[in-house]
């Protein structure tokens, strides 16, 4: 079944667009996510925003970030917990606070950290459970040395220390998959956003190089397992290495690629300066950015299924935001050619603003899952908002350079 909507691109209405309605299985996941407080997907989200400009000017970028962050902030404070969906929102809020200079976002995250007693969600090797540590460590590292409180990172460090002894790339008895198979710790590409940054931050916080060494060994294991040298993209996990779309092309999930590109940016940002493994990560970013540029939509965005956009008619904002974040970060750090990739970022930012509603809701975010799916134009979930705020923080830096 298809539904007719009016899409906006860069705040300008375009032709009516059809999109496929979620299947019963997809709807069940939407209902589950909505019930868990990850976000919602109302039938009537109200009008789209008319007060935002896609011009790459600092004030305009700030306004867009604040509009979305202010809409989300009371929701994440009310519903956020230590789960990965929330943790992505937290790092986005931290980025928004740093970019705009508004301490209220950071202060709210500090309050949540205190509420959680600075503890991760679990004690095993599962990257999703470690991801909330990114917020704890960022708060810790921002404190003056004479005010540091080791309790803020103690539980996360204990959890990491418990898995450092894992036998060379194998999760020795710690469950990381629903089927309970023994696998490498970061067996799915999403993990490259969820865990490595916190491990790099732990080395910065403690001076202990074992945490960075763990990143390098585990990321290479994931790369060897999931990297597609022909498409220059990551399979979501080993079961997707040969899975195809309706058009016969391999299935590559936009959010999955966004997790990796965003994970590269955040990990390299936190590695020790001059780390000899940085070219390994930057090389992947270059290949993935080139691929993303080659398949970017006319509206500046990417669809849930990267190689079959016709099948997934709506653009997908969480993947688009995370890829934009990675590309903009690459430009700002001199790893990507600004002449080549700035237009990509400008188009993507304009496209994303076309999915901000008048009240600040950010729509067109796919529900949780492991592969491309259908969703609603109004669908808004915490991790997608976190990705948007991360993108905005780097777009703002680009704007400041102009």
Protein backbone atom coordinates (compact mmCIF):
# COMPACT_ATOMS: atom_id res chain seq x y z
CA UNK A 1 0.00 0.00 0.00
CA UNK A 2 1.28 3.44 -0.84
CA UNK A 3 0.36 6.77 0.74
CA UNK A 4 0.52 10.17 -0.93
CA UNK A 5 2.40 12.99 0.77
CA UNK A 6 3.87 16.34 -0.12
CA UNK A 7 7.62 16.40 0.38
CA UNK A 8 9.77 19.41 1.05
CA UNK A 9 13.25 19.84 -0.26
CA UNK A 10 15.14 22.76 1.18
CA UNK A 11 11.85 24.16 2.51
CA UNK A 12 10.35 24.38 -0.97
CA UNK A 13 7.38 22.13 -1.82
CA UNK A 14 8.00 19.73 -4.68
CA UNK A 15 5.78 17.31 -6.55
CA UNK A 16 3.57 14.92 -4.65
CA UNK A 17 5.50 11.79 -3.70
CA UNK A 18 4.30 8.28 -2.97
CA UNK A 19 5.81 6.19 -0.22
CA UNK A 20 5.17 2.58 0.83
CA UNK A 21 3.36 1.99 4.08
CA UNK A 22 5.20 -0.13 6.70
CA UNK A 23 4.42 -3.84 6.58
CA UNK A 24 2.81 -5.43 9.67
CA UNK A 25 6.24 -6.55 10.88
CA UNK A 26 7.66 -3.05 10.40
CA UNK A 27 4.62 -1.51 12.10
CA UNK A 28 5.12 -3.80 15.07
CA UNK A 29 8.67 -2.46 15.45
CA UNK A 30 7.42 1.12 15.15
CA UNK A 31 4.85 0.46 17.86
CA UNK A 32 7.51 -1.14 20.07
CA UNK A 33 9.91 1.78 19.66
CA UNK A 34 7.15 4.30 20.32
CA UNK A 35 6.15 2.38 23.43
CA UNK A 36 9.71 2.40 24.75
CA UNK A 37 9.97 6.17 24.47
CA UNK A 38 12.52 6.23 21.63
CA UNK A 39 10.25 8.61 19.73
CA UNK A 40 6.95 8.63 17.91
CA UNK A 41 5.26 8.81 14.52
CA UNK A 42 2.00 10.77 14.74
CA UNK A 43 -0.49 10.81 11.88
CA UNK A 44 -0.60 14.62 12.08
CA UNK A 45 2.75 16.14 13.08
CA UNK A 46 1.65 19.62 12.08
CA UNK A 47 3.21 21.90 9.46
CA UNK A 48 6.83 21.89 8.39
CA UNK A 49 9.08 24.70 9.58
CA UNK A 50 9.15 27.90 7.54
CA UNK A 51 11.59 29.85 9.70
CA UNK A 52 14.82 28.02 8.86
CA UNK A 53 17.42 28.93 6.27
CA UNK A 54 19.69 26.38 4.66
CA UNK A 55 22.38 29.01 4.09
CA UNK A 56 25.68 27.92 5.60
CA UNK A 57 25.87 30.78 8.05
CA UNK A 58 26.68 30.29 11.70
CA UNK A 59 23.52 31.98 12.96
CA UNK A 60 21.32 29.92 10.63
CA UNK A 61 22.95 26.64 11.59
CA UNK A 62 22.66 27.54 15.27
CA UNK A 63 18.97 28.30 14.85
CA UNK A 64 18.27 24.95 13.21
CA UNK A 65 20.24 23.04 15.85
CA UNK A 66 18.51 24.83 18.70
CA UNK A 67 15.07 24.33 17.20
CA UNK A 68 15.53 20.57 16.98
CA UNK A 69 17.46 20.25 20.26
CA UNK A 70 14.92 22.28 22.21
CA UNK A 71 12.08 20.10 20.93
CA UNK A 72 13.95 16.93 21.87
CA UNK A 73 15.49 17.95 25.20
CA UNK A 74 12.45 17.42 27.46
CA UNK A 75 11.78 14.10 25.73
CA UNK A 76 15.25 12.71 26.23
CA UNK A 77 15.30 13.87 29.84
CA UNK A 78 11.97 12.14 30.46
CA UNK A 79 12.61 8.92 28.55
CA UNK A 80 16.38 8.57 28.21
CA UNK A 81 18.20 5.66 29.80
CA UNK A 82 21.49 3.82 29.29
CA UNK A 83 20.39 2.14 26.04
CA UNK A 84 22.23 2.90 22.80
CA UNK A 85 19.36 4.84 21.22
CA UNK A 86 19.54 7.37 24.03
CA UNK A 87 23.32 7.47 24.10
CA UNK A 88 23.46 8.72 20.51
CA UNK A 89 21.05 11.48 21.49
CA UNK A 90 23.29 12.35 24.45
CA UNK A 91 26.43 12.84 22.36
CA UNK A 92 24.39 14.94 19.92
CA UNK A 93 23.22 17.12 22.79
CA UNK A 94 26.80 17.45 24.02
CA UNK A 95 27.85 18.52 20.53
CA UNK A 96 24.99 21.04 20.37
CA UNK A 97 26.03 22.52 23.69
CA UNK A 98 29.63 22.91 22.59
CA UNK A 99 28.68 24.31 19.18
CA UNK A 100 26.09 26.83 20.32
CA UNK A 101 27.66 27.69 23.65
CA UNK A 102 24.40 26.89 25.42
CA UNK A 103 25.16 24.99 28.62
CA UNK A 104 21.58 23.79 29.14
CA UNK A 105 22.09 20.79 26.87
CA UNK A 106 25.28 19.74 28.64
CA UNK A 107 23.76 20.37 32.05
CA UNK A 108 20.81 18.13 31.23
CA UNK A 109 23.20 15.38 30.16
CA UNK A 110 25.13 15.78 33.41
CA UNK A 111 21.87 15.34 35.29
CA UNK A 112 21.14 12.12 33.42
CA UNK A 113 24.65 10.81 34.11
CA UNK A 114 24.08 11.41 37.80
CA UNK A 115 20.70 9.69 37.59
CA UNK A 116 22.40 6.64 36.06
CA UNK A 117 25.18 6.79 38.67
CA UNK A 118 27.68 6.87 35.80
CA UNK A 119 27.13 3.21 34.99
CA UNK A 120 26.99 1.50 31.58
CA UNK A 121 23.98 -0.58 30.61
CA UNK A 122 25.82 -3.88 30.93
CA UNK A 123 29.16 -5.38 31.86
CA UNK A 124 29.97 -7.41 28.75
CA UNK A 125 31.56 -6.82 25.36
CA UNK A 126 28.35 -5.61 23.72
CA UNK A 127 29.10 -2.26 22.10
CA UNK A 128 25.54 -1.06 22.58
CA UNK A 129 25.89 -1.42 26.34
CA UNK A 130 29.19 0.49 26.35
CA UNK A 131 27.91 3.40 24.25
CA UNK A 132 26.56 5.55 27.08
CA UNK A 133 30.14 5.76 28.34
CA UNK A 134 30.85 8.27 25.58
CA UNK A 135 28.78 10.83 27.48
CA UNK A 136 30.34 10.01 30.84
CA UNK A 137 33.86 10.27 29.45
CA UNK A 138 33.16 13.47 27.54
CA UNK A 139 31.84 15.08 30.70
CA UNK A 140 34.84 13.79 32.65
CA UNK A 141 37.42 15.00 30.12
CA UNK A 142 35.88 18.48 30.06
CA UNK A 143 36.36 18.98 33.78
CA UNK A 144 39.33 20.88 35.24
CA UNK A 145 41.94 18.44 36.54
CA UNK A 146 41.48 19.58 40.13
CA UNK A 147 37.76 18.70 39.96
CA UNK A 148 38.00 15.28 38.34
CA UNK A 149 35.97 12.54 39.99
CA UNK A 150 37.15 9.02 39.14
CA UNK A 151 33.69 7.69 39.98
CA UNK A 152 32.39 9.16 36.72
CA UNK A 153 34.37 6.63 34.68
CA UNK A 154 34.97 3.86 37.19
CA UNK A 155 32.11 1.57 36.15
CA UNK A 156 32.80 2.03 32.43
CA UNK A 157 36.48 1.30 32.99
CA UNK A 158 35.69 -1.81 35.00
CA UNK A 159 33.44 -3.05 32.18
CA UNK A 160 36.17 -2.43 29.61
CA UNK A 161 38.83 -4.10 31.71
CA UNK A 162 36.61 -7.16 31.95
CA UNK A 163 36.70 -7.66 28.16
CA UNK A 164 40.29 -6.69 27.36
CA UNK A 165 41.32 -10.28 28.00
CA UNK A 166 39.07 -11.58 25.23
CA UNK A 167 40.92 -14.08 23.07
CA UNK A 168 42.09 -12.44 19.86
CA UNK A 169 38.91 -11.16 18.28
CA UNK A 170 36.60 -13.75 19.83
CA UNK A 171 33.93 -12.94 22.37
CA UNK A 172 34.75 -15.64 24.92
CA UNK A 173 31.39 -16.54 26.33
CA UNK A 174 29.95 -13.02 26.55
CA UNK A 175 26.64 -12.86 24.71
CA UNK A 176 26.63 -10.20 22.00
CA UNK A 177 24.04 -11.65 19.64
CA UNK A 178 20.42 -12.66 20.02
CA UNK A 179 21.22 -16.11 18.63
CA UNK A 180 23.94 -16.49 21.31
CA UNK A 181 26.60 -17.45 18.79
CA UNK A 182 30.24 -16.81 19.65
CA UNK A 183 31.34 -13.90 17.50
CA UNK A 184 33.88 -11.13 17.38
CA UNK A 185 32.78 -8.38 19.80
CA UNK A 186 32.00 -5.82 17.07
CA UNK A 187 30.27 -8.24 14.73
CA UNK A 188 27.85 -5.66 13.30
CA UNK A 189 28.84 -2.35 11.73
CA UNK A 190 26.75 -0.22 14.12
CA UNK A 191 29.20 -1.20 16.85
CA UNK A 192 31.87 0.97 15.21
CA UNK A 193 29.94 4.03 16.37
CA UNK A 194 28.77 2.69 19.70
CA UNK A 195 32.00 1.54 21.33
CA UNK A 196 35.35 2.73 19.88
CA UNK A 197 34.99 6.39 20.84
CA UNK A 198 34.54 5.50 24.50
CA UNK A 199 37.59 3.22 24.37
CA UNK A 200 39.68 6.04 22.86
CA UNK A 201 38.38 8.47 25.47
CA UNK A 202 39.35 6.01 28.19
CA UNK A 203 42.95 6.05 27.01
CA UNK A 204 42.87 9.87 27.11
CA UNK A 205 41.36 9.83 30.58
CA UNK A 206 43.71 7.24 32.07
CA UNK A 207 46.83 7.24 29.91
CA UNK A 208 46.43 3.49 29.51
CA UNK A 209 47.15 2.53 25.91
CA UNK A 210 45.47 -0.87 26.20
CA UNK A 211 42.11 0.69 25.38
CA UNK A 212 43.33 2.14 22.10
CA UNK A 213 45.08 -1.11 21.25
CA UNK A 214 41.75 -2.86 21.75
CA UNK A 215 40.08 -0.51 19.24
CA UNK A 216 42.67 -1.19 16.59
CA UNK A 217 42.51 -4.97 16.92
CA UNK A 218 38.72 -5.18 17.06
CA UNK A 219 38.03 -2.64 14.30
CA UNK A 220 40.34 -4.53 11.96
CA UNK A 221 38.51 -7.75 12.76
CA UNK A 222 35.21 -6.06 11.86
CA UNK A 223 36.72 -4.54 8.73
CA UNK A 224 38.05 -7.90 7.58
CA UNK A 225 34.64 -9.46 8.13
CA UNK A 226 32.29 -6.80 6.73
CA UNK A 227 34.11 -4.43 4.35
CA UNK A 228 33.08 -4.72 0.70
CA UNK A 229 36.06 -3.68 -1.42
CA UNK A 230 34.00 -3.31 -4.60
CA UNK A 231 31.23 -1.13 -3.16
CA UNK A 232 33.42 0.63 -0.57
CA UNK A 233 30.77 0.07 2.10
CA UNK A 234 30.21 -2.14 5.13
CA UNK A 235 27.74 -5.00 5.25
CA UNK A 236 25.53 -4.57 8.31
CA UNK A 237 26.75 -7.95 9.58
CA UNK A 238 27.96 -11.20 8.04
CA UNK A 239 24.42 -12.32 7.19
CA UNK A 240 24.07 -9.32 4.85
CA UNK A 241 27.20 -9.90 2.79
CA UNK A 242 25.18 -11.50 0.00
CA UNK A 243 21.67 -10.22 0.77
CA UNK A 244 20.16 -8.24 -2.10
CA UNK A 245 17.51 -5.58 -2.66
CA UNK A 246 14.44 -5.80 -4.88
CA UNK A 247 16.52 -4.47 -7.78
CA UNK A 248 19.11 -7.23 -7.36
CA UNK A 249 21.84 -5.01 -5.92
CA UNK A 250 23.51 -5.75 -2.60
CA UNK A 251 21.75 -4.42 0.49
CA UNK A 252 23.60 -1.59 2.18
CA UNK A 253 21.74 0.26 4.91
CA UNK A 254 22.19 4.03 5.03
CA UNK A 255 22.12 4.16 8.81
CA UNK A 256 24.66 1.36 9.01
CA UNK A 257 27.07 3.27 6.77
CA UNK A 258 26.33 6.38 8.79
CA UNK A 259 27.27 4.60 11.98
CA UNK A 260 30.65 3.74 10.48
CA UNK A 261 31.37 7.18 9.01
CA UNK A 262 30.30 8.89 12.22
CA UNK A 263 32.25 6.35 14.23
CA UNK A 264 35.40 7.06 12.25
CA UNK A 265 35.04 10.78 12.91
CA UNK A 266 34.47 10.42 16.63
CA UNK A 267 37.10 7.73 17.10
CA UNK A 268 39.88 9.53 15.25
CA UNK A 269 38.95 12.73 17.09
CA UNK A 270 39.74 10.96 20.34
CA UNK A 271 42.78 8.89 19.38
CA UNK A 272 46.19 10.08 20.58
CA UNK A 273 47.75 12.57 18.17
CA UNK A 274 49.98 10.86 15.67
CA UNK A 275 48.49 7.42 16.26
CA UNK A 276 49.92 5.26 13.44
CA UNK A 277 46.51 3.66 12.77
CA UNK A 278 44.77 6.93 11.85
CA UNK A 279 45.42 6.44 8.09
CA UNK A 280 43.57 3.11 8.29
CA UNK A 281 40.42 4.89 9.46
CA UNK A 282 40.77 7.95 7.27
CA UNK A 283 41.28 5.75 4.22
CA UNK A 284 37.91 4.12 4.86
CA UNK A 285 36.27 7.51 5.29
CA UNK A 286 37.64 8.66 1.94
CA UNK A 287 36.30 5.59 0.16
CA UNK A 288 32.91 5.80 1.85
CA UNK A 289 32.59 9.54 1.23
CA UNK A 290 33.30 9.05 -2.47
CA UNK A 291 30.66 6.35 -2.63
CA UNK A 292 28.15 8.49 -0.75
CA UNK A 293 28.77 11.40 -3.10
CA UNK A 294 28.16 9.18 -6.12
CA UNK A 295 24.73 8.07 -4.90
CA UNK A 296 23.51 11.24 -3.17
CA UNK A 297 19.92 12.03 -4.08
CA UNK A 298 18.77 15.12 -5.92
CA UNK A 299 17.35 16.37 -2.62
CA UNK A 300 20.77 16.00 -1.00
CA UNK A 301 19.78 12.97 1.06
CA UNK A 302 20.18 9.20 1.07
CA UNK A 303 17.49 6.55 1.33
CA UNK A 304 17.29 3.61 3.72
CA UNK A 305 18.53 1.21 1.04
CA UNK A 306 21.50 3.00 -0.47
CA UNK A 307 21.62 1.05 -3.71
CA UNK A 308 17.84 0.81 -4.23
CA UNK A 309 16.44 4.26 -3.45
CA UNK A 310 13.44 3.73 -5.71
CA UNK A 311 12.20 0.94 -3.43
CA UNK A 312 12.48 3.15 -0.34
CA UNK A 313 10.81 6.30 -1.59
CA UNK A 314 11.34 8.48 1.47
CA UNK A 315 14.79 9.84 2.31
CA UNK A 316 16.14 8.56 5.64
CA UNK A 317 17.39 11.23 8.03
CA UNK A 318 19.37 9.28 10.61
CA UNK A 319 21.66 7.74 7.99
CA UNK A 320 21.84 10.99 6.03
CA UNK A 321 22.73 12.94 9.16
CA UNK A 322 25.46 10.56 10.28
CA UNK A 323 27.03 10.45 6.81
CA UNK A 324 26.87 14.25 6.63
CA UNK A 325 28.56 14.43 10.02
CA UNK A 326 31.37 12.14 8.87
CA UNK A 327 31.91 14.01 5.61
CA UNK A 328 31.80 17.47 7.21
CA UNK A 329 34.20 16.30 9.92
CA UNK A 330 36.54 14.99 7.22
CA UNK A 331 36.53 18.38 5.48
CA UNK A 332 37.09 20.28 8.72
CA UNK A 333 40.08 18.12 9.60
CA UNK A 334 41.68 18.21 6.18
CA UNK A 335 41.02 14.57 5.33
CA UNK A 336 38.50 15.32 2.55
CA UNK A 337 38.83 17.89 -0.23
CA UNK A 338 36.55 20.83 0.57
CA UNK A 339 36.07 21.69 -3.10
CA UNK A 340 34.74 18.21 -3.76
CA UNK A 341 32.74 17.56 -0.62
CA UNK A 342 31.49 20.91 0.65
CA UNK A 343 28.73 20.90 -2.01
CA UNK A 344 27.74 17.44 -0.78
CA UNK A 345 27.38 18.74 2.78
CA UNK A 346 25.51 21.87 1.66
CA UNK A 347 22.97 19.80 -0.27
CA UNK A 348 22.55 17.33 2.58
CA UNK A 349 22.05 20.05 5.19
CA UNK A 350 19.46 21.75 3.01
CA UNK A 351 17.71 18.43 2.49
CA UNK A 352 17.59 17.63 6.20
CA UNK A 353 16.10 21.01 7.09
CA UNK A 354 13.23 20.15 4.78
CA UNK A 355 12.18 17.52 7.33
CA UNK A 356 12.10 19.80 10.38
CA UNK A 357 8.59 20.63 11.53
CA UNK A 358 7.36 23.95 12.88
CA UNK A 359 7.61 22.76 16.49
CA UNK A 360 11.14 21.37 16.04
CA UNK A 361 10.30 17.73 15.32
CA UNK A 362 12.79 16.06 12.97
CA UNK A 363 11.01 13.54 10.75
CA UNK A 364 11.73 10.76 8.29
CA UNK A 365 13.78 8.71 10.76
CA UNK A 366 13.56 4.95 10.38
CA UNK A 367 12.66 2.92 13.45
CA UNK A 368 15.25 0.60 15.00
CA UNK A 369 16.21 -2.50 13.07
CA UNK A 370 19.02 -4.15 11.15
CA UNK A 371 18.18 -3.28 7.54
CA UNK A 372 16.29 -0.82 5.34
CA UNK A 373 12.57 -0.58 6.12
CA UNK A 374 9.55 1.64 5.55
CA UNK A 375 8.47 4.38 7.98
CA UNK A 376 6.40 7.56 8.12
CA UNK A 377 7.34 11.14 7.20
CA UNK A 378 6.63 12.16 10.81
CA UNK A 379 8.74 9.39 12.39
CA UNK A 380 11.16 10.94 14.87
CA UNK A 381 13.54 8.94 17.05
CA UNK A 382 16.23 9.94 19.52
CA UNK A 383 19.26 8.46 17.74
CA UNK A 384 18.37 10.28 14.51
CA UNK A 385 18.15 13.57 16.37
CA UNK A 386 21.54 12.89 17.92
CA UNK A 387 22.95 12.30 14.44
CA UNK A 388 21.43 15.56 13.19
CA UNK A 389 22.99 17.54 16.05
CA UNK A 390 26.38 15.95 15.41
CA UNK A 391 26.06 16.91 11.75
CA UNK A 392 25.05 20.44 12.70
CA UNK A 393 28.09 20.82 14.94
CA UNK A 394 30.41 20.12 12.00
CA UNK A 395 28.32 22.07 9.47
CA UNK A 396 28.61 25.04 11.81
CA UNK A 397 32.40 24.76 11.70
CA UNK A 398 32.25 24.75 7.91
CA UNK A 399 30.02 27.83 8.01
CA UNK A 400 32.49 29.61 10.27
CA UNK A 401 35.27 29.05 7.72
CA UNK A 402 33.40 30.67 4.83
